[in-house]
């Protein structure tokens, strides 16, 4: 039995920007790591002070909102951590 003819496939066009790949990401700014670690530590200290002082400090008269502020510092640290290369 004769073999069937094979079709020649045209090469697919790939744009140069895709074929080259993306450029290497630049380094993080020098201030990013210290601010990130500082935000983590500030949030942790804020929450510890809140518990140790029986919910009276770091800012009196706002009560449990001190917890929100402490976790806000920690969330800031995590958002900066996503930008670190």
PDB file of N, CA and C in Angstrom:
ATOM      1  N   UNK A   1       0.860  -1.165   0.000  1.00  0.00           N
ATOM      2  CA  UNK A   1       0.000   0.000   0.000  1.00  0.00           C
ATOM      3  C   UNK A   1       0.906   1.227   0.000  1.00  0.00           C
ATOM      4  N   UNK A   2       0.622   2.233  -0.824  1.00  0.00           N
ATOM      5  CA  UNK A   2       1.469   3.423  -0.883  1.00  0.00           C
ATOM      6  C   UNK A   2       1.268   4.311   0.345  1.00  0.00           C
ATOM      7  N   UNK A   3       2.351   4.976   0.726  1.00  0.00           N
ATOM      8  CA  UNK A   3       2.317   5.868   1.879  1.00  0.00           C
ATOM      9  C   UNK A   3       1.671   7.190   1.473  1.00  0.00           C
ATOM     10  N   UNK A   4       0.846   7.751   2.359  1.00  0.00           N
ATOM     11  CA  UNK A   4       0.187   9.013   2.041  1.00  0.00           C
ATOM     12  C   UNK A   4       1.179  10.161   2.124  1.00  0.00           C
ATOM     13  N   UNK A   5       0.892  11.210   1.382  1.00  0.00           N
ATOM     14  CA  UNK A   5       1.767  12.375   1.365  1.00  0.00           C
ATOM     15  C   UNK A   5       1.651  13.154   2.674  1.00  0.00           C
ATOM     16  N   UNK A   6       2.770  13.652   3.135  1.00  0.00           N
ATOM     17  CA  UNK A   6       2.775  14.478   4.333  1.00  0.00           C
ATOM     18  C   UNK A   6       2.635  15.944   3.947  1.00  0.00           C
ATOM     19  N   UNK A   7       1.826  16.650   4.706  1.00  0.00           N
ATOM     20  CA  UNK A   7       1.668  18.085   4.459  1.00  0.00           C
ATOM     21  C   UNK A   7       2.783  18.844   5.145  1.00  0.00           C
ATOM     22  N   UNK A   8       3.257  19.871   4.494  1.00  0.00           N
ATOM     23  CA  UNK A   8       4.240  20.750   5.126  1.00  0.00           C
ATOM     24  C   UNK A   8       3.485  21.829   5.893  1.00  0.00           C
ATOM     25  N   UNK A   9       3.850  21.981   7.156  1.00  0.00           N
ATOM     26  CA  UNK A   9       3.192  22.989   7.981  1.00  0.00           C
ATOM     27  C   UNK A   9       4.002  24.267   7.922  1.00  0.00           C
ATOM     28  N   UNK A  10       3.289  25.374   7.787  1.00  0.00           N
ATOM     29  CA  UNK A  10       3.961  26.675   7.821  1.00  0.00           C
ATOM     30  C   UNK A  10       4.411  26.954   9.247  1.00  0.00           C
ATOM     31  N   UNK A  11       5.593  27.563   9.370  1.00  0.00           N
ATOM     32  CA  UNK A  11       6.070  27.928  10.699  1.00  0.00           C
ATOM     33  C   UNK A  11       5.223  29.068  11.227  1.00  0.00           C
ATOM     34  N   UNK A  12       4.904  28.959  12.477  1.00  0.00           N
ATOM     35  CA  UNK A  12       4.063  29.962  13.108  1.00  0.00           C
ATOM     36  C   UNK A  12       4.897  31.206  13.413  1.00  0.00           C
ATOM     37  N   UNK A  13       4.322  32.363  13.164  1.00  0.00           N
ATOM     38  CA  UNK A  13       5.028  33.620  13.424  1.00  0.00           C
ATOM     39  C   UNK A  13       4.942  33.955  14.904  1.00  0.00           C
ATOM     40  N   UNK A  14       6.097  34.193  15.510  1.00  0.00           N
ATOM     41  CA  UNK A  14       6.168  34.596  16.914  1.00  0.00           C
ATOM     42  C   UNK A  14       6.806  35.971  16.963  1.00  0.00           C
ATOM     43  N   UNK A  15       6.114  36.952  17.535  1.00  0.00           N
ATOM     44  CA  UNK A  15       6.698  38.298  17.610  1.00  0.00           C
ATOM     45  C   UNK A  15       8.017  38.285  18.379  1.00  0.00           C
ATOM     46  N   UNK A  16       8.903  39.202  18.021  1.00  0.00           N
ATOM     47  CA  UNK A  16      10.214  39.265  18.670  1.00  0.00           C
ATOM     48  C   UNK A  16      10.107  39.520  20.167  1.00  0.00           C
ATOM     49  N   UNK A  17       9.130  40.329  20.557  1.00  0.00           N
ATOM     50  CA  UNK A  17       8.998  40.636  21.982  1.00  0.00           C
ATOM     51  C   UNK A  17       8.653  39.388  22.797  1.00  0.00           C
ATOM     52  N   UNK A  18       7.898  38.467  22.211  1.00  0.00           N
ATOM     53  CA  UNK A  18       7.537  37.236  22.907  1.00  0.00           C
ATOM     54  C   UNK A  18       8.684  36.231  22.825  1.00  0.00           C
ATOM     55  N   UNK A  19       9.324  36.146  21.660  1.00  0.00           N
ATOM     56  CA  UNK A  19      10.403  35.183  21.480  1.00  0.00           C
ATOM     57  C   UNK A  19      11.603  35.513  22.361  1.00  0.00           C
ATOM     58  N   UNK A  20      11.870  36.784  22.589  1.00  0.00           N
ATOM     59  CA  UNK A  20      13.012  37.200  23.397  1.00  0.00           C
ATOM     60  C   UNK A  20      12.762  36.955  24.875  1.00  0.00           C
ATOM     61  N   UNK A  21      11.522  36.936  25.315  1.00  0.00           N
ATOM     62  CA  UNK A  21      11.198  36.789  26.729  1.00  0.00           C
ATOM     63  C   UNK A  21      11.177  38.148  27.397  1.00  0.00           C
ATOM     64  N   UNK A  22      10.781  38.144  28.632  1.00  0.00           N
ATOM     65  CA  UNK A  22      10.715  39.412  29.355  1.00  0.00           C
ATOM     66  C   UNK A  22      12.089  39.769  29.892  1.00  0.00           C
ATOM     67  N   UNK A  23      12.262  41.026  30.149  1.00  0.00           N
ATOM     68  CA  UNK A  23      13.535  41.476  30.681  1.00  0.00           C
ATOM     69  C   UNK A  23      13.687  41.035  32.130  1.00  0.00           C
ATOM     70  N   UNK A  24      14.891  40.986  32.592  1.00  0.00           N
ATOM     71  CA  UNK A  24      15.174  40.583  33.962  1.00  0.00           C
ATOM     72  C   UNK A  24      14.676  41.673  34.901  1.00  0.00           C
ATOM     73  N   UNK A  25      13.905  41.314  35.929  1.00  0.00           N
ATOM     74  CA  UNK A  25      13.395  42.349  36.838  1.00  0.00           C
ATOM     75  C   UNK A  25      14.542  43.047  37.562  1.00  0.00           C
ATOM     76  N   UNK A  26      14.348  44.307  37.780  1.00  0.00           N
ATOM     77  CA  UNK A  26      15.372  45.087  38.467  1.00  0.00           C
ATOM     78  C   UNK A  26      15.365  44.764  39.954  1.00  0.00           C
ATOM     79  N   UNK A  27      16.388  45.183  40.631  1.00  0.00           N
ATOM     80  CA  UNK A  27      16.458  44.954  42.068  1.00  0.00           C
ATOM     81  C   UNK A  27      15.481  45.858  42.803  1.00  0.00           C
ATOM     82  N   UNK A  28      15.192  45.480  44.007  1.00  0.00           N
ATOM     83  CA  UNK A  28      14.317  46.288  44.848  1.00  0.00           C
ATOM     84  C   UNK A  28      15.035  47.556  45.268  1.00  0.00           C
ATOM     85  N   UNK A  29      14.269  48.605  45.558  1.00  0.00           N
ATOM     86  CA  UNK A  29      14.909  49.804  46.100  1.00  0.00           C
ATOM     87  C   UNK A  29      15.546  49.489  47.454  1.00  0.00           C
ATOM     88  N   UNK A  30      16.566  50.227  47.784  1.00  0.00           N
ATOM     89  CA  UNK A  30      17.319  49.966  49.020  1.00  0.00           C
ATOM     90  C   UNK A  30      16.458  50.176  50.270  1.00  0.00           C
ATOM     91  N   UNK A  31      15.442  51.022  50.200  1.00  0.00           N
ATOM     92  CA  UNK A  31      14.632  51.331  51.370  1.00  0.00           C
ATOM     93  C   UNK A  31      13.574  50.264  51.635  1.00  0.00           C
ATOM     94  N   UNK A  32      13.302  49.390  50.681  1.00  0.00           N
ATOM     95  CA  UNK A  32      12.164  48.479  50.804  1.00  0.00           C
ATOM     96  C   UNK A  32      12.333  47.472  51.943  1.00  0.00           C
ATOM     97  N   UNK A  33      13.450  46.803  52.017  1.00  0.00           N
ATOM     98  CA  UNK A  33      13.642  45.774  53.047  1.00  0.00           C
ATOM     99  C   UNK A  33      13.613  46.360  54.462  1.00  0.00           C
ATOM    100  N   UNK A  34      14.321  47.472  54.736  1.00  0.00           N
ATOM    101  CA  UNK A  34      14.228  48.009  56.098  1.00  0.00           C
ATOM    102  C   UNK A  34      12.819  48.465  56.486  1.00  0.00           C
ATOM    103  N   UNK A  35      12.097  49.065  55.546  1.00  0.00           N
ATOM    104  CA  UNK A  35      10.730  49.521  55.856  1.00  0.00           C
ATOM    105  C   UNK A  35       9.817  48.319  56.069  1.00  0.00           C
ATOM    106  N   UNK A  36       9.998  47.269  55.269  1.00  0.00           N
ATOM    107  CA  UNK A  36       9.186  46.068  55.412  1.00  0.00           C
ATOM    108  C   UNK A  36       9.412  45.425  56.782  1.00  0.00           C
ATOM    109  N   UNK A  37      10.659  45.219  57.158  1.00  0.00           N
ATOM    110  CA  UNK A  37      10.966  44.614  58.454  1.00  0.00           C
ATOM    111  C   UNK A  37      10.507  45.531  59.585  1.00  0.00           C
ATOM    112  N   UNK A  38      10.686  46.836  59.413  1.00  0.00           N
ATOM    113  CA  UNK A  38      10.229  47.793  60.428  1.00  0.00           C
ATOM    114  C   UNK A  38       8.725  47.745  60.624  1.00  0.00           C
ATOM    115  N   UNK A  39       7.968  47.585  59.531  1.00  0.00           N
ATOM    116  CA  UNK A  39       6.513  47.498  59.647  1.00  0.00           C
ATOM    117  C   UNK A  39       6.098  46.228  60.380  1.00  0.00           C
ATOM    118  N   UNK A  40       6.761  45.106  60.078  1.00  0.00           N
ATOM    119  CA  UNK A  40       6.466  43.866  60.797  1.00  0.00           C
ATOM    120  C   UNK A  40       6.734  44.028  62.295  1.00  0.00           C
ATOM    121  N   UNK A  41       7.888  44.567  62.624  1.00  0.00           N
ATOM    122  CA  UNK A  41       8.265  44.713  64.032  1.00  0.00           C
ATOM    123  C   UNK A  41       7.372  45.718  64.743  1.00  0.00           C
ATOM    124  N   UNK A  42       7.052  46.831  64.078  1.00  0.00           N
ATOM    125  CA  UNK A  42       6.180  47.837  64.691  1.00  0.00           C
ATOM    126  C   UNK A  42       4.801  47.258  64.985  1.00  0.00           C
ATOM    127  N   UNK A  43       4.252  46.477  64.051  1.00  0.00           N
ATOM    128  CA  UNK A  43       2.948  45.853  64.274  1.00  0.00           C
ATOM    129  C   UNK A  43       2.983  44.865  65.419  1.00  0.00           C
ATOM    130  N   UNK A  44       4.051  44.079  65.478  1.00  0.00           N
ATOM    131  CA  UNK A  44       4.177  43.109  66.558  1.00  0.00           C
ATOM    132  C   UNK A  44       4.304  43.801  67.909  1.00  0.00           C
ATOM    133  N   UNK A  45       5.141  44.812  67.995  1.00  0.00           N
ATOM    134  CA  UNK A  45       5.315  45.549  69.251  1.00  0.00           C
ATOM    135  C   UNK A  45       4.019  46.247  69.650  1.00  0.00           C
ATOM    136  N   UNK A  46       3.313  46.805  68.666  1.00  0.00           N
ATOM    137  CA  UNK A  46       2.039  47.488  68.937  1.00  0.00           C
ATOM    138  C   UNK A  46       1.049  46.525  69.596  1.00  0.00           C
ATOM    139  N   UNK A  47       0.927  45.327  69.052  1.00  0.00           N
ATOM    140  CA  UNK A  47      -0.022  44.352  69.591  1.00  0.00           C
ATOM    141  C   UNK A  47       0.431  43.852  70.964  1.00  0.00           C
ATOM    142  N   UNK A  48       1.721  43.629  71.143  1.00  0.00           N
ATOM    143  CA  UNK A  48       2.229  43.173  72.443  1.00  0.00           C
ATOM    144  C   UNK A  48       1.977  44.228  73.516  1.00  0.00           C
ATOM    145  N   UNK A  49       2.238  45.495  73.201  1.00  0.00           N
ATOM    146  CA  UNK A  49       1.970  46.571  74.167  1.00  0.00           C
ATOM    147  C   UNK A  49       0.482  46.628  74.506  1.00  0.00           C
ATOM    148  N   UNK A  50      -0.360  46.436  73.501  1.00  0.00           N
ATOM    149  CA  UNK A  50      -1.809  46.446  73.728  1.00  0.00           C
ATOM    150  C   UNK A  50      -2.215  45.378  74.732  1.00  0.00           C
ATOM    151  N   UNK A  51      -1.662  44.178  74.595  1.00  0.00           N
ATOM    152  CA  UNK A  51      -2.017  43.102  75.517  1.00  0.00           C
ATOM    153  C   UNK A  51      -1.363  43.245  76.880  1.00  0.00           C
ATOM    154  N   UNK A  52      -0.111  43.661  76.919  1.00  0.00           N
ATOM    155  CA  UNK A  52       0.606  43.756  78.193  1.00  0.00           C
ATOM    156  C   UNK A  52       0.007  44.834  79.088  1.00  0.00           C
ATOM    157  N   UNK A  53      -0.468  45.919  78.501  1.00  0.00           N
ATOM    158  CA  UNK A  53      -1.033  47.013  79.297  1.00  0.00           C
ATOM    159  C   UNK A  53      -2.530  46.860  79.532  1.00  0.00           C
ATOM    160  N   UNK A  54      -3.044  45.674  79.338  1.00  0.00           N
ATOM    161  CA  UNK A  54      -4.465  45.381  79.572  1.00  0.00           C
ATOM    162  C   UNK A  54      -5.368  46.285  78.734  1.00  0.00           C
ATOM    163  N   UNK A  55      -5.072  46.414  77.489  1.00  0.00           N
ATOM    164  CA  UNK A  55      -5.840  47.142  76.464  1.00  0.00           C
ATOM    165  C   UNK A  55      -5.944  48.642  76.714  1.00  0.00           C
ATOM    166  N   UNK A  56      -4.993  49.241  77.421  1.00  0.00           N
ATOM    167  CA  UNK A  56      -5.032  50.690  77.679  1.00  0.00           C
ATOM    168  C   UNK A  56      -4.150  51.478  76.720  1.00  0.00           C
ATOM    169  N   UNK A  57      -3.065  50.916  76.286  1.00  0.00           N
ATOM    170  CA  UNK A  57      -2.115  51.622  75.425  1.00  0.00           C
ATOM    171  C   UNK A  57      -1.904  50.830  74.154  1.00  0.00           C
ATOM    172  N   UNK A  58      -1.271  51.263  73.153  1.00  0.00           N
ATOM    173  CA  UNK A  58      -0.456  52.437  72.868  1.00  0.00           C
ATOM    174  C   UNK A  58      -1.255  53.726  72.680  1.00  0.00           C
ATOM    175  N   UNK A  59      -2.496  53.656  72.216  1.00  0.00           N
ATOM    176  CA  UNK A  59      -3.311  54.876  72.131  1.00  0.00           C
ATOM    177  C   UNK A  59      -4.500  54.672  73.063  1.00  0.00           C
ATOM    178  N   UNK A  60      -4.555  55.448  74.146  1.00  0.00           N
ATOM    179  CA  UNK A  60      -5.676  55.263  75.071  1.00  0.00           C
ATOM    180  C   UNK A  60      -7.005  55.689  74.434  1.00  0.00           C
ATOM    181  N   UNK A  61      -8.072  55.172  74.948  1.00  0.00           N
ATOM    182  CA  UNK A  61      -9.445  55.555  74.592  1.00  0.00           C
ATOM    183  C   UNK A  61      -9.892  55.126  73.194  1.00  0.00           C
ATOM    184  N   UNK A  62      -9.136  54.280  72.495  1.00  0.00           N
ATOM    185  CA  UNK A  62      -9.672  53.766  71.224  1.00  0.00           C
ATOM    186  C   UNK A  62      -9.922  52.267  71.308  1.00  0.00           C
ATOM    187  N   UNK A  63      -9.573  51.682  72.441  1.00  0.00           N
ATOM    188  CA  UNK A  63      -9.910  50.288  72.708  1.00  0.00           C
ATOM    189  C   UNK A  63      -9.310  49.305  71.718  1.00  0.00           C
ATOM    190  N   UNK A  64     -10.178  48.448  71.196  1.00  0.00           N
ATOM    191  CA  UNK A  64      -9.723  47.365  70.321  1.00  0.00           C
ATOM    192  C   UNK A  64      -9.229  47.856  68.959  1.00  0.00           C
ATOM    193  N   UNK A  65      -9.432  49.111  68.636  1.00  0.00           N
ATOM    194  CA  UNK A  65      -8.894  49.636  67.377  1.00  0.00           C
ATOM    195  C   UNK A  65      -7.369  49.622  67.379  1.00  0.00           C
ATOM    196  N   UNK A  66      -6.775  49.524  68.573  1.00  0.00           N
ATOM    197  CA  UNK A  66      -5.327  49.349  68.633  1.00  0.00           C
ATOM    198  C   UNK A  66      -4.906  48.050  67.939  1.00  0.00           C
ATOM    199  N   UNK A  67      -5.730  47.012  68.033  1.00  0.00           N
ATOM    200  CA  UNK A  67      -5.441  45.753  67.338  1.00  0.00           C
ATOM    201  C   UNK A  67      -5.476  45.966  65.825  1.00  0.00           C
ATOM    202  N   UNK A  68      -6.440  46.730  65.359  1.00  0.00           N
ATOM    203  CA  UNK A  68      -6.549  47.008  63.926  1.00  0.00           C
ATOM    204  C   UNK A  68      -5.301  47.744  63.443  1.00  0.00           C
ATOM    205  N   UNK A  69      -4.836  48.702  64.229  1.00  0.00           N
ATOM    206  CA  UNK A  69      -3.632  49.440  63.851  1.00  0.00           C
ATOM    207  C   UNK A  69      -2.404  48.524  63.823  1.00  0.00           C
ATOM    208  N   UNK A  70      -2.294  47.644  64.813  1.00  0.00           N
ATOM    209  CA  UNK A  70      -1.176  46.704  64.838  1.00  0.00           C
ATOM    210  C   UNK A  70      -1.184  45.776  63.634  1.00  0.00           C
ATOM    211  N   UNK A  71      -2.347  45.221  63.334  1.00  0.00           N
ATOM    212  CA  UNK A  71      -2.448  44.358  62.155  1.00  0.00           C
ATOM    213  C   UNK A  71      -2.310  45.151  60.860  1.00  0.00           C
ATOM    214  N   UNK A  72      -2.636  46.435  60.902  1.00  0.00           N
ATOM    215  CA  UNK A  72      -2.411  47.284  59.731  1.00  0.00           C
ATOM    216  C   UNK A  72      -0.937  47.423  59.411  1.00  0.00           C
ATOM    217  N   UNK A  73      -0.115  47.585  60.446  1.00  0.00           N
ATOM    218  CA  UNK A  73       1.332  47.628  60.230  1.00  0.00           C
ATOM    219  C   UNK A  73       1.838  46.304  59.654  1.00  0.00           C
ATOM    220  N   UNK A  74       1.326  45.208  60.175  1.00  0.00           N
ATOM    221  CA  UNK A  74       1.747  43.897  59.674  1.00  0.00           C
ATOM    222  C   UNK A  74       1.293  43.709  58.227  1.00  0.00           C
ATOM    223  N   UNK A  75       0.083  44.151  57.899  1.00  0.00           N
ATOM    224  CA  UNK A  75      -0.407  44.060  56.520  1.00  0.00           C
ATOM    225  C   UNK A  75       0.443  44.927  55.585  1.00  0.00           C
ATOM    226  N   UNK A  76       0.868  46.077  56.062  1.00  0.00           N
ATOM    227  CA  UNK A  76       1.769  46.917  55.275  1.00  0.00           C
ATOM    228  C   UNK A  76       3.074  46.180  54.995  1.00  0.00           C
ATOM    229  N   UNK A  77       3.598  45.489  55.996  1.00  0.00           N
ATOM    230  CA  UNK A  77       4.816  44.702  55.802  1.00  0.00           C
ATOM    231  C   UNK A  77       4.625  43.611  54.760  1.00  0.00           C
ATOM    232  N   UNK A  78       3.477  42.926  54.802  1.00  0.00           N
ATOM    233  CA  UNK A  78       3.218  41.893  53.806  1.00  0.00           C
ATOM    234  C   UNK A  78       3.050  42.477  52.403  1.00  0.00           C
ATOM    235  N   UNK A  79       2.414  43.627  52.298  1.00  0.00           N
ATOM    236  CA  UNK A  79       2.252  44.223  50.963  1.00  0.00           C
ATOM    237  C   UNK A  79       3.596  44.679  50.403  1.00  0.00           C
ATOM    238  N   UNK A  80       4.506  45.132  51.252  1.00  0.00           N
ATOM    239  CA  UNK A  80       5.850  45.475  50.799  1.00  0.00           C
ATOM    240  C   UNK A  80       6.647  44.224  50.456  1.00  0.00           C
ATOM    241  N   UNK A  81       6.379  43.126  51.149  1.00  0.00           N
ATOM    242  CA  UNK A  81       7.100  41.890  50.882  1.00  0.00           C
ATOM    243  C   UNK A  81       6.793  41.349  49.482  1.00  0.00           C
ATOM    244  N   UNK A  82       5.626  41.659  48.957  1.00  0.00           N
ATOM    245  CA  UNK A  82       5.300  41.190  47.612  1.00  0.00           C
ATOM    246  C   UNK A  82       6.091  41.935  46.539  1.00  0.00           C
ATOM    247  N   UNK A  83       6.637  43.088  46.863  1.00  0.00           N
ATOM    248  CA  UNK A  83       7.406  43.873  45.903  1.00  0.00           C
ATOM    249  C   UNK A  83       8.899  43.601  45.979  1.00  0.00           C
ATOM    250  N   UNK A  84       9.319  42.788  46.942  1.00  0.00           N
ATOM    251  CA  UNK A  84      10.753  42.564  47.161  1.00  0.00           C
ATOM    252  C   UNK A  84      11.281  41.551  46.170  1.00  0.00           C
ATOM    253  N   UNK A  85      12.402  41.885  45.521  1.00  0.00           N
ATOM    254  CA  UNK A  85      13.037  40.967  44.560  1.00  0.00           C
ATOM    255  C   UNK A  85      14.410  40.628  45.024  1.00  0.00           C
TER     256      UNK A  85
END
